[in-house]
Amino acid sequence: MKYNENISVKKAIEIGIEAGLKKALEEIEKEKIKKKKQRYDRRLRNTDLLLKNYNNFVAHCENAIYTRKQLLENNAIDILDECEDLDYETYVKAIMRTKERTAIIVNHIKNVLEFYKFQAEKSREPERIRRVKVIKAIYFDKKKYEEIAEEMSLSVRTVKRDKKTAIAEISTLVFGIDGLKFDI
């Protein structure tokens, strides 16, 4: 009798371990899916931020002050005087580096948007062409959803949906394969 009890206890332990492992693996898989979704969502937010700030990036590239003459002309030397541990050379290198990095991003966004427009026009699909117009109106013309809806004879909901779809499509162009959402 004691032997049978030991077998059932052993079997119960095995069943418990198996159930625990199964549950742990399910939770690990759920966490992987959650992280992939968060990465994708972050890329969508980043695409939105890149588009929202595109004109500011262009202005930064055009107006970055990094020569001694520019500093003197713009009274930026006062700013340098306030930063005791920041010397001129460090300042210049930092501004030039941010200007160069920003210029690369601006050029990339510009090319992506031109290609996005080209794809839409080539497809001749009214929805794709409309999404290009919606993106331009929101991010470059700084129009409100209601204004766009009225001008394009759409519902506000359609404008928002077009923006969401366009951001996902543009995200893929901006981030490449990392901008895709894979269904799991």
C-alpha atoms as a PDB file:
ATOM      1  CA  MET A   1       0.000   0.000   0.000  1.00  0.00           C
ATOM      2  CA  LYS A   2       2.790   2.364   0.859  1.00  0.00           C
ATOM      3  CA  TYR A   3       4.383   1.734  -2.545  1.00  0.00           C
ATOM      4  CA  ASN A   4       1.188   2.795  -4.376  1.00  0.00           C
ATOM      5  CA  GLU A   5       0.945   5.955  -2.293  1.00  0.00           C
ATOM      6  CA  ASN A   6       4.513   6.846  -3.254  1.00  0.00           C
ATOM      7  CA  ILE A   7       3.689   6.344  -6.920  1.00  0.00           C
ATOM      8  CA  SER A   8       0.664   8.600  -6.726  1.00  0.00           C
ATOM      9  CA  VAL A   9       2.654  11.294  -4.885  1.00  0.00           C
ATOM     10  CA  LYS A  10       5.408  11.003  -7.461  1.00  0.00           C
ATOM     11  CA  LYS A  11       2.857  11.157 -10.272  1.00  0.00           C
ATOM     12  CA  ALA A  12       1.198  14.192  -8.657  1.00  0.00           C
ATOM     13  CA  ILE A  13       4.561  15.941  -8.467  1.00  0.00           C
ATOM     14  CA  GLU A  14       5.240  15.162 -12.148  1.00  0.00           C
ATOM     15  CA  ILE A  15       1.816  16.457 -13.146  1.00  0.00           C
ATOM     16  CA  GLY A  16       2.370  19.608 -11.087  1.00  0.00           C
ATOM     17  CA  ILE A  17       5.795  20.214 -12.586  1.00  0.00           C
ATOM     18  CA  GLU A  18       4.463  19.617 -16.101  1.00  0.00           C
ATOM     19  CA  ALA A  19       1.565  22.024 -15.535  1.00  0.00           C
ATOM     20  CA  GLY A  20       3.908  24.621 -14.028  1.00  0.00           C
ATOM     21  CA  LEU A  21       6.330  24.372 -16.955  1.00  0.00           C
ATOM     22  CA  LYS A  22       3.491  24.622 -19.467  1.00  0.00           C
ATOM     23  CA  LYS A  23       2.146  27.736 -17.738  1.00  0.00           C
ATOM     24  CA  ALA A  24       5.636  29.276 -17.536  1.00  0.00           C
ATOM     25  CA  LEU A  25       6.225  28.688 -21.258  1.00  0.00           C
ATOM     26  CA  GLU A  26       2.836  30.235 -22.082  1.00  0.00           C
ATOM     27  CA  GLU A  27       3.711  33.306 -19.993  1.00  0.00           C
ATOM     28  CA  ILE A  28       7.119  33.615 -21.655  1.00  0.00           C
ATOM     29  CA  GLU A  29       5.454  33.474 -25.083  1.00  0.00           C
ATOM     30  CA  LYS A  30       2.887  36.102 -24.028  1.00  0.00           C
ATOM     31  CA  GLU A  31       5.731  38.342 -22.860  1.00  0.00           C
ATOM     32  CA  LYS A  32       7.558  37.939 -26.197  1.00  0.00           C
ATOM     33  CA  ILE A  33       4.386  38.910 -28.083  1.00  0.00           C
ATOM     34  CA  LYS A  34       3.869  41.887 -25.751  1.00  0.00           C
ATOM     35  CA  LYS A  35       7.447  43.097 -26.334  1.00  0.00           C
ATOM     36  CA  LYS A  36       7.100  42.783 -30.127  1.00  0.00           C
ATOM     37  CA  LYS A  37       3.878  44.796 -29.984  1.00  0.00           C
ATOM     38  CA  GLN A  38       5.536  47.437 -27.790  1.00  0.00           C
ATOM     39  CA  ARG A  39       8.444  47.726 -30.263  1.00  0.00           C
ATOM     40  CA  TYR A  40       5.996  48.107 -33.146  1.00  0.00           C
ATOM     41  CA  ASP A  41       3.913  50.654 -31.216  1.00  0.00           C
ATOM     42  CA  ARG A  42       7.097  52.585 -30.356  1.00  0.00           C
ATOM     43  CA  ARG A  43       8.028  52.717 -34.044  1.00  0.00           C
ATOM     44  CA  LEU A  44       4.571  54.062 -34.888  1.00  0.00           C
ATOM     45  CA  ARG A  45       4.951  56.736 -32.186  1.00  0.00           C
ATOM     46  CA  ASN A  46       8.446  57.549 -33.448  1.00  0.00           C
ATOM     47  CA  THR A  47       7.187  57.889 -37.024  1.00  0.00           C
ATOM     48  CA  ASP A  48       4.459  60.222 -35.757  1.00  0.00           C
ATOM     49  CA  LEU A  49       7.055  62.270 -33.843  1.00  0.00           C
ATOM     50  CA  LEU A  50       9.406  62.413 -36.833  1.00  0.00           C
ATOM     51  CA  LEU A  51       6.603  63.751 -39.020  1.00  0.00           C
ATOM     52  CA  LYS A  52       5.389  66.207 -36.362  1.00  0.00           C
ATOM     53  CA  ASN A  53       8.880  67.608 -35.938  1.00  0.00           C
ATOM     54  CA  TYR A  54      10.065  67.470 -39.548  1.00  0.00           C
ATOM     55  CA  ASN A  55       9.856  71.251 -40.054  1.00  0.00           C
ATOM     56  CA  ASN A  56      11.717  71.830 -36.771  1.00  0.00           C
ATOM     57  CA  PHE A  57      14.444  69.452 -37.914  1.00  0.00           C
ATOM     58  CA  VAL A  58      14.780  71.339 -41.193  1.00  0.00           C
ATOM     59  CA  ALA A  59      14.983  74.628 -39.277  1.00  0.00           C
ATOM     60  CA  HIS A  60      17.646  73.159 -36.982  1.00  0.00           C
ATOM     61  CA  CYS A  61      19.760  72.138 -39.975  1.00  0.00           C
ATOM     62  CA  GLU A  62      19.381  75.556 -41.555  1.00  0.00           C
ATOM     63  CA  ASN A  63      19.948  77.577 -38.376  1.00  0.00           C
ATOM     64  CA  ALA A  64      22.460  75.616 -36.304  1.00  0.00           C
ATOM     65  CA  ILE A  65      25.150  77.984 -35.053  1.00  0.00           C
ATOM     66  CA  TYR A  66      28.612  76.458 -35.000  1.00  0.00           C
ATOM     67  CA  THR A  67      31.141  78.926 -36.375  1.00  0.00           C
ATOM     68  CA  ARG A  68      32.852  81.580 -34.271  1.00  0.00           C
ATOM     69  CA  LYS A  69      31.393  84.272 -36.569  1.00  0.00           C
ATOM     70  CA  GLN A  70      27.858  82.882 -36.139  1.00  0.00           C
ATOM     71  CA  LEU A  71      28.316  82.775 -32.384  1.00  0.00           C
ATOM     72  CA  LEU A  72      29.441  86.382 -32.227  1.00  0.00           C
ATOM     73  CA  GLU A  73      26.700  87.586 -34.565  1.00  0.00           C
ATOM     74  CA  ASN A  74      24.005  85.845 -32.541  1.00  0.00           C
ATOM     75  CA  ASN A  75      25.296  86.738 -29.061  1.00  0.00           C
ATOM     76  CA  ALA A  76      25.526  83.040 -28.367  1.00  0.00           C
ATOM     77  CA  ILE A  77      28.906  83.696 -26.765  1.00  0.00           C
ATOM     78  CA  ASP A  78      26.937  84.682 -23.655  1.00  0.00           C
ATOM     79  CA  ILE A  79      25.557  81.163 -23.566  1.00  0.00           C
ATOM     80  CA  LEU A  80      29.067  79.742 -23.749  1.00  0.00           C
ATOM     81  CA  ASP A  81      30.219  82.016 -20.936  1.00  0.00           C
ATOM     82  CA  GLU A  82      27.471  80.613 -18.729  1.00  0.00           C
ATOM     83  CA  CYS A  83      28.659  77.062 -19.389  1.00  0.00           C
ATOM     84  CA  GLU A  84      31.981  77.043 -17.551  1.00  0.00           C
ATOM     85  CA  ASP A  85      32.932  73.495 -18.412  1.00  0.00           C
ATOM     86  CA  LEU A  86      31.952  73.755 -22.091  1.00  0.00           C
ATOM     87  CA  ASP A  87      34.727  75.035 -24.321  1.00  0.00           C
ATOM     88  CA  TYR A  88      34.266  76.372 -27.840  1.00  0.00           C
ATOM     89  CA  GLU A  89      35.613  73.262 -29.571  1.00  0.00           C
ATOM     90  CA  THR A  90      33.302  70.952 -27.619  1.00  0.00           C
ATOM     91  CA  TYR A  91      30.349  73.200 -28.400  1.00  0.00           C
ATOM     92  CA  VAL A  92      31.158  73.315 -32.118  1.00  0.00           C
ATOM     93  CA  LYS A  93      31.601  69.545 -32.365  1.00  0.00           C
ATOM     94  CA  ALA A  94      28.331  68.920 -30.526  1.00  0.00           C
ATOM     95  CA  ILE A  95      26.336  71.305 -32.712  1.00  0.00           C
ATOM     96  CA  MET A  96      27.912  69.999 -35.925  1.00  0.00           C
ATOM     97  CA  ARG A  97      27.216  66.413 -34.858  1.00  0.00           C
ATOM     98  CA  THR A  98      23.554  67.132 -34.092  1.00  0.00           C
ATOM     99  CA  LYS A  99      23.209  69.098 -37.310  1.00  0.00           C
ATOM    100  CA  GLU A 100      24.695  66.239 -39.338  1.00  0.00           C
ATOM    101  CA  ARG A 101      22.542  63.609 -37.628  1.00  0.00           C
ATOM    102  CA  THR A 102      19.440  65.741 -38.026  1.00  0.00           C
ATOM    103  CA  ALA A 103      20.237  66.365 -41.699  1.00  0.00           C
ATOM    104  CA  ILE A 104      20.495  62.618 -42.282  1.00  0.00           C
ATOM    105  CA  ILE A 105      17.094  62.068 -40.661  1.00  0.00           C
ATOM    106  CA  VAL A 106      15.530  64.988 -42.568  1.00  0.00           C
ATOM    107  CA  ASN A 107      16.851  63.628 -45.857  1.00  0.00           C
ATOM    108  CA  HIS A 108      15.603  60.136 -45.013  1.00  0.00           C
ATOM    109  CA  ILE A 109      12.116  61.391 -44.085  1.00  0.00           C
ATOM    110  CA  LYS A 110      11.972  63.537 -47.226  1.00  0.00           C
ATOM    111  CA  ASN A 111      12.898  60.558 -49.418  1.00  0.00           C
ATOM    112  CA  VAL A 112      10.446  58.275 -47.614  1.00  0.00           C
ATOM    113  CA  LEU A 113       7.588  60.737 -48.071  1.00  0.00           C
ATOM    114  CA  GLU A 114       8.422  61.273 -51.741  1.00  0.00           C
ATOM    115  CA  PHE A 115       8.477  57.513 -52.282  1.00  0.00           C
ATOM    116  CA  TYR A 116       5.228  57.094 -50.321  1.00  0.00           C
ATOM    117  CA  LYS A 117       3.569  59.683 -52.563  1.00  0.00           C
ATOM    118  CA  PHE A 118       5.057  58.066 -55.688  1.00  0.00           C
ATOM    119  CA  GLN A 119       3.723  54.639 -54.642  1.00  0.00           C
ATOM    120  CA  ALA A 120       0.257  56.060 -54.015  1.00  0.00           C
ATOM    121  CA  GLU A 121       0.120  57.888 -57.339  1.00  0.00           C
ATOM    122  CA  LYS A 122       1.445  54.870 -59.217  1.00  0.00           C
ATOM    123  CA  SER A 123      -1.187  52.627 -57.631  1.00  0.00           C
ATOM    124  CA  ARG A 124      -3.972  55.009 -58.692  1.00  0.00           C
ATOM    125  CA  GLU A 125      -5.891  53.814 -55.645  1.00  0.00           C
ATOM    126  CA  PRO A 126      -8.009  56.717 -54.355  1.00  0.00           C
ATOM    127  CA  GLU A 127      -7.572  55.617 -50.712  1.00  0.00           C
ATOM    128  CA  ARG A 128      -3.772  55.621 -50.935  1.00  0.00           C
ATOM    129  CA  ILE A 129      -3.704  58.996 -52.679  1.00  0.00           C
ATOM    130  CA  ARG A 130      -6.079  60.340 -50.028  1.00  0.00           C
ATOM    131  CA  ARG A 131      -3.801  59.086 -47.231  1.00  0.00           C
ATOM    132  CA  VAL A 132      -0.899  61.051 -48.752  1.00  0.00           C
ATOM    133  CA  LYS A 133      -3.066  64.176 -48.708  1.00  0.00           C
ATOM    134  CA  VAL A 134      -4.173  63.514 -45.127  1.00  0.00           C
ATOM    135  CA  ILE A 135      -0.544  63.160 -43.958  1.00  0.00           C
ATOM    136  CA  LYS A 136       0.419  66.385 -45.737  1.00  0.00           C
ATOM    137  CA  ALA A 137      -2.543  68.237 -44.240  1.00  0.00           C
ATOM    138  CA  ILE A 138      -1.904  67.001 -40.683  1.00  0.00           C
ATOM    139  CA  TYR A 139       1.870  67.272 -40.476  1.00  0.00           C
ATOM    140  CA  PHE A 140       2.871  69.956 -42.954  1.00  0.00           C
ATOM    141  CA  ASP A 141      -0.186  72.180 -43.277  1.00  0.00           C
ATOM    142  CA  LYS A 142      -0.893  71.738 -39.528  1.00  0.00           C
ATOM    143  CA  LYS A 143      -4.635  71.346 -40.094  1.00  0.00           C
ATOM    144  CA  LYS A 144      -7.053  69.863 -37.581  1.00  0.00           C
ATOM    145  CA  TYR A 145      -8.943  66.646 -38.274  1.00  0.00           C
ATOM    146  CA  GLU A 146     -12.255  68.498 -38.586  1.00  0.00           C
ATOM    147  CA  GLU A 147     -10.802  70.938 -41.101  1.00  0.00           C
ATOM    148  CA  ILE A 148      -9.378  68.127 -43.234  1.00  0.00           C
ATOM    149  CA  ALA A 149     -12.604  66.169 -43.051  1.00  0.00           C
ATOM    150  CA  GLU A 150     -14.591  69.154 -44.257  1.00  0.00           C
ATOM    151  CA  GLU A 151     -12.178  70.021 -47.084  1.00  0.00           C
ATOM    152  CA  MET A 152     -11.976  66.431 -48.320  1.00  0.00           C
ATOM    153  CA  SER A 153     -15.649  65.585 -47.720  1.00  0.00           C
ATOM    154  CA  LEU A 154     -14.753  62.842 -45.258  1.00  0.00           C
ATOM    155  CA  SER A 155     -15.752  61.974 -41.732  1.00  0.00           C
ATOM    156  CA  VAL A 156     -13.311  62.824 -38.941  1.00  0.00           C
ATOM    157  CA  ARG A 157     -13.171  59.105 -38.224  1.00  0.00           C
ATOM    158  CA  THR A 158     -11.993  58.412 -41.798  1.00  0.00           C
ATOM    159  CA  VAL A 159      -9.282  61.086 -41.470  1.00  0.00           C
ATOM    160  CA  LYS A 160      -8.053  59.494 -38.235  1.00  0.00           C
ATOM    161  CA  ARG A 161      -8.147  56.017 -39.774  1.00  0.00           C
ATOM    162  CA  ASP A 162      -6.246  57.265 -42.844  1.00  0.00           C
ATOM    163  CA  LYS A 163      -3.617  58.817 -40.576  1.00  0.00           C
ATOM    164  CA  LYS A 164      -3.239  55.579 -38.605  1.00  0.00           C
ATOM    165  CA  THR A 165      -2.923  53.472 -41.757  1.00  0.00           C
ATOM    166  CA  ALA A 166      -0.497  55.919 -43.362  1.00  0.00           C
ATOM    167  CA  ILE A 167       1.695  56.021 -40.245  1.00  0.00           C
ATOM    168  CA  ALA A 168       1.928  52.214 -40.305  1.00  0.00           C
ATOM    169  CA  GLU A 169       2.854  52.261 -43.994  1.00  0.00           C
ATOM    170  CA  ILE A 170       5.361  55.100 -43.591  1.00  0.00           C
ATOM    171  CA  SER A 171       6.833  53.380 -40.522  1.00  0.00           C
ATOM    172  CA  THR A 172       7.799  50.440 -42.688  1.00  0.00           C
ATOM    173  CA  LEU A 173       9.540  52.792 -45.097  1.00  0.00           C
ATOM    174  CA  VAL A 174      11.313  54.660 -42.289  1.00  0.00           C
ATOM    175  CA  PHE A 175      12.402  51.631 -40.234  1.00  0.00           C
ATOM    176  CA  GLY A 176      12.522  48.893 -42.901  1.00  0.00           C
ATOM    177  CA  ILE A 177      11.773  45.383 -41.714  1.00  0.00           C
ATOM    178  CA  ASP A 178      11.720  46.616 -38.109  1.00  0.00           C
ATOM    179  CA  GLY A 179       8.701  48.782 -39.009  1.00  0.00           C
ATOM    180  CA  LEU A 180       6.565  45.764 -39.870  1.00  0.00           C
ATOM    181  CA  LYS A 181       4.028  44.228 -37.547  1.00  0.00           C
ATOM    182  CA  PHE A 182       4.024  40.472 -37.811  1.00  0.00           C
ATOM    183  CA  ASP A 183       0.860  38.678 -36.860  1.00  0.00           C
ATOM    184  CA  ILE A 184       1.670  35.966 -34.391  1.00  0.00           C
END
